[in-house]
Amino acid sequence: MGLFQQSVFKKYLKEADQAIMKPAFEKFAGYFHNPVIQQNYLL
């Protein structure tokens, strides 16, 4: 089941509009790479 889900997800990402995906990923990455937020998860 995991391989099927992975292949569906990869297909979705290939077909997704990059103009929408890139800003969303940058926001996601910026949030989780924030040192203050990382410290909160460790507590």
C-alpha atoms as a PDB file:
ATOM      1  CA  MET A   1       0.000   0.000   0.000  1.00  0.00           C
ATOM      2  CA  GLY A   2       2.847   2.393   0.781  1.00  0.00           C
ATOM      3  CA  LEU A   3       4.382   2.036  -2.684  1.00  0.00           C
ATOM      4  CA  PHE A   4       1.035   2.822  -4.285  1.00  0.00           C
ATOM      5  CA  GLN A   5       0.598   5.940  -2.164  1.00  0.00           C
ATOM      6  CA  GLN A   6       4.131   7.060  -2.953  1.00  0.00           C
ATOM      7  CA  SER A   7       3.616   6.657  -6.705  1.00  0.00           C
ATOM      8  CA  VAL A   8       0.318   8.563  -6.584  1.00  0.00           C
ATOM      9  CA  PHE A   9       1.956  11.363  -4.598  1.00  0.00           C
ATOM     10  CA  LYS A  10       4.879  11.601  -7.046  1.00  0.00           C
ATOM     11  CA  LYS A  11       2.453  11.760  -9.980  1.00  0.00           C
ATOM     12  CA  TYR A  12       0.486  14.508  -8.217  1.00  0.00           C
ATOM     13  CA  LEU A  13       3.646  16.553  -7.584  1.00  0.00           C
ATOM     14  CA  LYS A  14       4.753  16.253 -11.214  1.00  0.00           C
ATOM     15  CA  GLU A  15       1.387  17.507 -12.436  1.00  0.00           C
ATOM     16  CA  ALA A  16       0.943  20.214  -9.785  1.00  0.00           C
ATOM     17  CA  ASP A  17       1.264  23.852 -10.747  1.00  0.00           C
ATOM     18  CA  GLN A  18       4.772  24.910  -9.728  1.00  0.00           C
ATOM     19  CA  ALA A  19       3.682  28.536  -9.319  1.00  0.00           C
ATOM     20  CA  ILE A  20       1.465  27.415  -6.440  1.00  0.00           C
ATOM     21  CA  MET A  21       3.680  24.691  -4.992  1.00  0.00           C
ATOM     22  CA  LYS A  22       6.906  26.702  -4.670  1.00  0.00           C
ATOM     23  CA  PRO A  23       5.560  29.476  -2.375  1.00  0.00           C
ATOM     24  CA  ALA A  24       3.744  26.884  -0.269  1.00  0.00           C
ATOM     25  CA  PHE A  25       6.917  24.815   0.112  1.00  0.00           C
ATOM     26  CA  GLU A  26       8.988  27.888   0.979  1.00  0.00           C
ATOM     27  CA  LYS A  27       6.496  28.837   3.686  1.00  0.00           C
ATOM     28  CA  PHE A  28       6.511  25.260   5.028  1.00  0.00           C
ATOM     29  CA  ALA A  29      10.317  25.037   4.987  1.00  0.00           C
ATOM     30  CA  GLY A  30      10.723  28.470   6.558  1.00  0.00           C
ATOM     31  CA  TYR A  31       8.390  27.537   9.376  1.00  0.00           C
ATOM     32  CA  PHE A  32      10.047  24.234  10.244  1.00  0.00           C
ATOM     33  CA  HIS A  33      13.605  25.491   9.807  1.00  0.00           C
ATOM     34  CA  ASN A  34      12.972  28.294  12.296  1.00  0.00           C
ATOM     35  CA  PRO A  35      15.263  27.619  15.315  1.00  0.00           C
ATOM     36  CA  VAL A  36      12.679  28.909  17.807  1.00  0.00           C
ATOM     37  CA  ILE A  37      10.050  26.500  16.537  1.00  0.00           C
ATOM     38  CA  GLN A  38      12.527  23.612  16.535  1.00  0.00           C
ATOM     39  CA  GLN A  39      13.299  24.279  20.210  1.00  0.00           C
ATOM     40  CA  ASN A  40       9.587  24.178  21.050  1.00  0.00           C
ATOM     41  CA  TYR A  41       9.294  20.721  19.489  1.00  0.00           C
ATOM     42  CA  LEU A  42      12.171  19.444  21.582  1.00  0.00           C
ATOM     43  CA  LEU A  43      10.505  20.450  24.852  1.00  0.00           C
END
